[in-house]
C-alpha cells in the first residue's frame, strides 16, 4: 500500500506503512513537481519527476505519472473520487480506483 501527499505544486509518493511509522520523515519513492508559471501566457505547464530507483522502478514511475495525468487532466478524470480521497477518506473505496485503472 502507498500514500500520495500533495503540497502546493508537488506530489510525493511514499510507502503507507513507513509513513504511518515516520510521518513526514518517510523517504519518498517519487516526487513530482508542477511548474505552472507559463500557463497564462503559453498555455503550458512543465512537470519534473524525481524517481528514487532504489524504491521505485523507472517503469512503475512512468506508469504512475501517466495515471496522475489521466486522473487529474485527462478525459477520464474523476474529481468526485479525488475529492473523496482528499476530503472524505472514510468514504473512499480503493476498489473503485482499481476498477477504473
N, C-alpha and C. Protein backbone atom coordinates (compact mmCIF):
# COMPACT_ATOMS: atom_id res chain seq x y z
N UNK A 1 0.83 -1.20 0.00
CA UNK A 1 0.00 0.00 0.00
C UNK A 1 0.87 1.25 0.00
N UNK A 2 0.41 2.25 -0.70
CA UNK A 2 1.14 3.50 -0.81
C UNK A 2 0.23 4.68 -0.55
N UNK A 3 0.83 5.80 -0.27
CA UNK A 3 0.12 7.03 0.04
C UNK A 3 0.72 8.14 -0.79
N UNK A 4 -0.10 8.97 -1.37
CA UNK A 4 0.38 10.13 -2.11
C UNK A 4 0.00 11.38 -1.34
N UNK A 5 0.95 12.27 -1.19
CA UNK A 5 0.69 13.52 -0.49
C UNK A 5 0.93 14.66 -1.46
N UNK A 6 0.07 15.64 -1.41
CA UNK A 6 0.26 16.80 -2.27
C UNK A 6 0.44 18.03 -1.42
N UNK A 7 1.40 18.86 -1.77
CA UNK A 7 1.64 20.10 -1.07
C UNK A 7 2.01 21.13 -2.11
N UNK A 8 1.23 22.22 -2.19
CA UNK A 8 1.45 23.27 -3.16
C UNK A 8 1.48 22.65 -4.56
N UNK A 9 2.63 22.69 -5.23
CA UNK A 9 2.73 22.19 -6.58
C UNK A 9 3.60 20.94 -6.66
N UNK A 10 3.70 20.20 -5.57
CA UNK A 10 4.49 18.98 -5.56
C UNK A 10 3.67 17.83 -5.01
N UNK A 11 3.98 16.65 -5.48
CA UNK A 11 3.33 15.45 -5.00
C UNK A 11 4.43 14.45 -4.68
N UNK A 12 4.36 13.83 -3.51
CA UNK A 12 5.33 12.81 -3.10
C UNK A 12 4.62 11.49 -2.92
N UNK A 13 5.23 10.44 -3.40
CA UNK A 13 4.68 9.09 -3.21
C UNK A 13 5.55 8.38 -2.19
N UNK A 14 4.92 7.90 -1.12
CA UNK A 14 5.64 7.21 -0.05
C UNK A 14 4.90 5.93 0.31
N UNK A 15 5.60 5.00 0.92
CA UNK A 15 5.02 3.76 1.41
C UNK A 15 4.13 4.07 2.61
N UNK A 16 2.91 3.54 2.61
CA UNK A 16 1.95 3.82 3.67
C UNK A 16 2.44 3.36 5.04
N UNK A 17 3.02 2.17 5.11
CA UNK A 17 3.48 1.66 6.40
C UNK A 17 4.62 2.51 6.96
N UNK A 18 5.54 2.89 6.09
CA UNK A 18 6.64 3.76 6.53
C UNK A 18 6.10 5.10 6.97
N UNK A 19 5.14 5.65 6.23
CA UNK A 19 4.56 6.94 6.59
C UNK A 19 3.85 6.86 7.94
N UNK A 20 3.16 5.75 8.20
CA UNK A 20 2.46 5.63 9.49
C UNK A 20 3.45 5.57 10.66
N UNK A 21 4.65 5.04 10.42
CA UNK A 21 5.67 4.99 11.47
C UNK A 21 6.46 6.29 11.59
N UNK A 22 6.82 6.88 10.45
CA UNK A 22 7.75 8.02 10.46
C UNK A 22 7.12 9.36 10.11
N UNK A 23 5.87 9.35 9.66
CA UNK A 23 5.21 10.60 9.29
C UNK A 23 5.97 11.30 8.17
N UNK A 24 6.14 12.60 8.31
CA UNK A 24 6.80 13.41 7.29
C UNK A 24 8.26 13.07 7.06
N UNK A 25 8.86 12.25 7.93
CA UNK A 25 10.25 11.85 7.75
C UNK A 25 10.39 10.64 6.83
N UNK A 26 9.25 10.08 6.37
CA UNK A 26 9.29 8.92 5.47
C UNK A 26 9.93 9.32 4.14
N UNK A 27 10.83 8.52 3.65
CA UNK A 27 11.52 8.80 2.37
C UNK A 27 10.56 8.53 1.20
N UNK A 28 10.47 9.47 0.26
CA UNK A 28 9.56 9.27 -0.87
C UNK A 28 10.13 8.30 -1.90
N UNK A 29 9.22 7.70 -2.68
CA UNK A 29 9.60 6.89 -3.84
C UNK A 29 9.81 7.78 -5.04
N UNK A 30 8.98 8.85 -5.11
CA UNK A 30 8.97 9.71 -6.28
C UNK A 30 8.43 11.07 -5.87
N UNK A 31 8.99 12.12 -6.44
CA UNK A 31 8.49 13.48 -6.23
C UNK A 31 8.16 14.06 -7.60
N UNK A 32 6.95 14.54 -7.75
CA UNK A 32 6.52 15.17 -9.00
C UNK A 32 6.25 16.63 -8.69
N UNK A 33 6.88 17.52 -9.44
CA UNK A 33 6.69 18.96 -9.25
C UNK A 33 6.08 19.56 -10.51
N UNK A 34 5.11 20.43 -10.31
CA UNK A 34 4.43 21.10 -11.41
C UNK A 34 4.82 22.58 -11.40
N UNK A 35 5.27 23.05 -12.54
CA UNK A 35 5.64 24.45 -12.70
C UNK A 35 4.62 25.08 -13.65
N UNK A 36 3.73 25.88 -13.10
CA UNK A 36 2.64 26.44 -13.90
C UNK A 36 2.83 27.91 -14.25
N UNK A 37 4.05 28.40 -14.17
CA UNK A 37 4.33 29.80 -14.46
C UNK A 37 3.93 30.21 -15.88
N UNK A 38 3.98 29.28 -16.83
CA UNK A 38 3.71 29.60 -18.22
C UNK A 38 2.27 29.34 -18.66
N UNK A 39 1.43 28.90 -17.73
CA UNK A 39 0.07 28.53 -18.10
C UNK A 39 -0.70 29.72 -18.69
N UNK A 40 -0.63 30.87 -18.04
CA UNK A 40 -1.40 32.03 -18.51
C UNK A 40 -0.88 32.58 -19.83
N UNK A 41 0.43 32.59 -20.03
CA UNK A 41 0.99 33.21 -21.24
C UNK A 41 1.21 32.24 -22.39
N UNK A 42 1.51 30.97 -22.09
CA UNK A 42 1.85 29.99 -23.15
C UNK A 42 0.91 28.78 -23.17
N UNK A 43 0.00 28.70 -22.20
CA UNK A 43 -0.93 27.57 -22.09
C UNK A 43 -0.19 26.24 -21.98
N UNK A 44 0.88 26.25 -21.19
CA UNK A 44 1.67 25.04 -20.98
C UNK A 44 2.18 25.01 -19.54
N UNK A 45 2.26 23.82 -18.98
CA UNK A 45 2.85 23.63 -17.65
C UNK A 45 3.98 22.61 -17.78
N UNK A 46 5.02 22.80 -17.02
CA UNK A 46 6.15 21.88 -17.03
C UNK A 46 6.06 20.95 -15.82
N UNK A 47 6.44 19.71 -16.02
CA UNK A 47 6.40 18.71 -14.96
C UNK A 47 7.80 18.13 -14.81
N UNK A 48 8.23 18.02 -13.55
CA UNK A 48 9.53 17.41 -13.28
C UNK A 48 9.31 16.25 -12.32
N UNK A 49 9.84 15.10 -12.65
CA UNK A 49 9.72 13.93 -11.78
C UNK A 49 11.08 13.50 -11.28
N UNK A 50 11.18 13.29 -9.99
CA UNK A 50 12.41 12.77 -9.39
C UNK A 50 12.09 11.39 -8.84
N UNK A 51 12.76 10.38 -9.37
CA UNK A 51 12.48 8.99 -9.00
C UNK A 51 13.65 8.43 -8.19
N UNK A 52 13.33 7.80 -7.10
CA UNK A 52 14.34 7.13 -6.27
C UNK A 52 14.30 5.66 -6.66
N UNK A 53 15.19 5.29 -7.60
CA UNK A 53 15.11 3.97 -8.23
C UNK A 53 15.43 2.82 -7.28
N UNK A 54 15.95 3.13 -6.10
CA UNK A 54 16.14 2.05 -5.14
C UNK A 54 14.81 1.67 -4.48
N UNK A 55 13.77 2.48 -4.70
CA UNK A 55 12.46 2.24 -4.11
C UNK A 55 11.35 2.06 -5.14
N UNK A 56 11.55 2.57 -6.37
CA UNK A 56 10.52 2.52 -7.40
C UNK A 56 11.21 2.43 -8.76
N UNK A 57 10.79 1.49 -9.58
CA UNK A 57 11.43 1.32 -10.89
C UNK A 57 11.03 2.47 -11.82
N UNK A 58 11.84 2.68 -12.85
CA UNK A 58 11.52 3.71 -13.84
C UNK A 58 10.21 3.38 -14.55
N UNK A 59 10.00 2.12 -14.81
CA UNK A 59 8.77 1.69 -15.48
C UNK A 59 7.54 2.01 -14.62
N UNK A 60 7.61 1.67 -13.33
CA UNK A 60 6.48 1.95 -12.43
C UNK A 60 6.28 3.45 -12.25
N UNK A 61 7.36 4.21 -12.21
CA UNK A 61 7.22 5.65 -12.05
C UNK A 61 6.59 6.28 -13.29
N UNK A 62 6.92 5.76 -14.48
CA UNK A 62 6.30 6.24 -15.71
C UNK A 62 4.80 5.96 -15.70
N UNK A 63 4.43 4.77 -15.28
CA UNK A 63 3.00 4.42 -15.19
C UNK A 63 2.30 5.32 -14.19
N UNK A 64 2.94 5.58 -13.07
CA UNK A 64 2.36 6.45 -12.06
C UNK A 64 2.11 7.85 -12.62
N UNK A 65 3.07 8.38 -13.36
CA UNK A 65 2.91 9.72 -13.94
C UNK A 65 1.78 9.73 -14.97
N UNK A 66 1.70 8.70 -15.79
CA UNK A 66 0.60 8.60 -16.76
C UNK A 66 -0.74 8.55 -16.03
N UNK A 67 -0.82 7.76 -14.97
CA UNK A 67 -2.06 7.67 -14.19
C UNK A 67 -2.42 9.00 -13.54
N UNK A 68 -1.42 9.71 -13.01
CA UNK A 68 -1.68 11.02 -12.41
C UNK A 68 -2.25 11.98 -13.45
N UNK A 69 -1.66 12.01 -14.63
CA UNK A 69 -2.16 12.88 -15.69
C UNK A 69 -3.58 12.48 -16.08
N UNK A 70 -3.83 11.18 -16.16
CA UNK A 70 -5.16 10.69 -16.53
C UNK A 70 -6.19 11.13 -15.49
N UNK A 71 -5.85 10.95 -14.22
CA UNK A 71 -6.82 11.23 -13.15
C UNK A 71 -7.05 12.72 -12.93
N UNK A 72 -6.04 13.52 -13.17
CA UNK A 72 -6.19 14.96 -12.91
C UNK A 72 -6.45 15.78 -14.16
N UNK A 73 -5.99 15.33 -15.33
CA UNK A 73 -6.07 16.16 -16.53
C UNK A 73 -6.83 15.51 -17.68
N UNK A 74 -6.85 14.22 -17.75
CA UNK A 74 -7.40 13.52 -18.91
C UNK A 74 -8.91 13.50 -18.96
N UNK A 75 -9.41 13.01 -20.08
CA UNK A 75 -10.85 12.89 -20.28
C UNK A 75 -11.46 11.93 -19.26
N UNK A 76 -10.64 11.03 -18.70
CA UNK A 76 -11.14 10.04 -17.74
C UNK A 76 -11.10 10.55 -16.30
N UNK A 77 -10.75 11.83 -16.12
CA UNK A 77 -10.62 12.34 -14.75
C UNK A 77 -11.93 12.17 -14.00
N UNK A 78 -11.80 11.93 -12.72
CA UNK A 78 -12.96 11.72 -11.86
C UNK A 78 -12.73 12.51 -10.59
N UNK A 79 -13.15 13.77 -10.61
CA UNK A 79 -12.91 14.64 -9.47
C UNK A 79 -13.64 14.16 -8.21
N UNK A 80 -14.79 13.49 -8.39
CA UNK A 80 -15.51 13.00 -7.22
C UNK A 80 -14.64 12.04 -6.41
N UNK A 81 -13.98 11.10 -7.10
CA UNK A 81 -13.10 10.16 -6.39
C UNK A 81 -11.93 10.89 -5.75
N UNK A 82 -11.35 11.86 -6.46
CA UNK A 82 -10.21 12.60 -5.92
C UNK A 82 -10.62 13.42 -4.70
N UNK A 83 -11.78 14.05 -4.76
CA UNK A 83 -12.27 14.84 -3.62
C UNK A 83 -12.55 13.93 -2.44
N UNK A 84 -13.18 12.79 -2.70
CA UNK A 84 -13.42 11.84 -1.60
C UNK A 84 -12.12 11.39 -0.96
N UNK A 85 -11.12 11.07 -1.79
CA UNK A 85 -9.83 10.62 -1.26
C UNK A 85 -9.21 11.68 -0.37
N UNK A 86 -9.23 12.94 -0.83
CA UNK A 86 -8.56 14.02 -0.11
C UNK A 86 -9.38 14.61 1.03
N UNK A 87 -10.70 14.68 0.87
CA UNK A 87 -11.52 15.39 1.86
C UNK A 87 -12.39 14.48 2.72
N UNK A 88 -12.75 13.32 2.20
CA UNK A 88 -13.59 12.38 2.96
C UNK A 88 -13.04 10.96 2.83
N UNK A 89 -11.84 10.72 3.36
CA UNK A 89 -11.18 9.43 3.13
C UNK A 89 -11.98 8.23 3.64
N UNK A 90 -12.85 8.43 4.62
CA UNK A 90 -13.65 7.30 5.12
C UNK A 90 -14.64 6.81 4.06
N UNK A 91 -14.97 7.66 3.09
CA UNK A 91 -15.89 7.29 2.02
C UNK A 91 -15.16 6.76 0.78
N UNK A 92 -13.84 6.87 0.76
CA UNK A 92 -13.05 6.48 -0.41
C UNK A 92 -12.93 4.96 -0.47
N UNK A 93 -13.16 4.41 -1.66
CA UNK A 93 -13.05 2.97 -1.87
C UNK A 93 -11.95 2.70 -2.90
N UNK A 94 -10.87 2.10 -2.47
CA UNK A 94 -9.76 1.78 -3.37
C UNK A 94 -10.20 0.91 -4.53
N UNK A 95 -11.15 0.01 -4.28
CA UNK A 95 -11.64 -0.88 -5.35
C UNK A 95 -12.18 -0.09 -6.54
N UNK A 96 -12.80 1.09 -6.29
CA UNK A 96 -13.29 1.92 -7.39
C UNK A 96 -12.15 2.35 -8.30
N UNK A 97 -11.05 2.78 -7.69
CA UNK A 97 -9.89 3.23 -8.47
C UNK A 97 -9.32 2.05 -9.27
N UNK A 98 -9.18 0.91 -8.63
CA UNK A 98 -8.61 -0.25 -9.31
C UNK A 98 -9.47 -0.71 -10.47
N UNK A 99 -10.79 -0.62 -10.33
CA UNK A 99 -11.68 -1.00 -11.42
C UNK A 99 -11.53 -0.06 -12.61
N UNK A 100 -11.24 1.22 -12.35
CA UNK A 100 -11.16 2.21 -13.42
C UNK A 100 -9.75 2.36 -13.99
N UNK A 101 -8.74 1.77 -13.36
CA UNK A 101 -7.36 1.91 -13.84
C UNK A 101 -7.06 0.95 -14.96
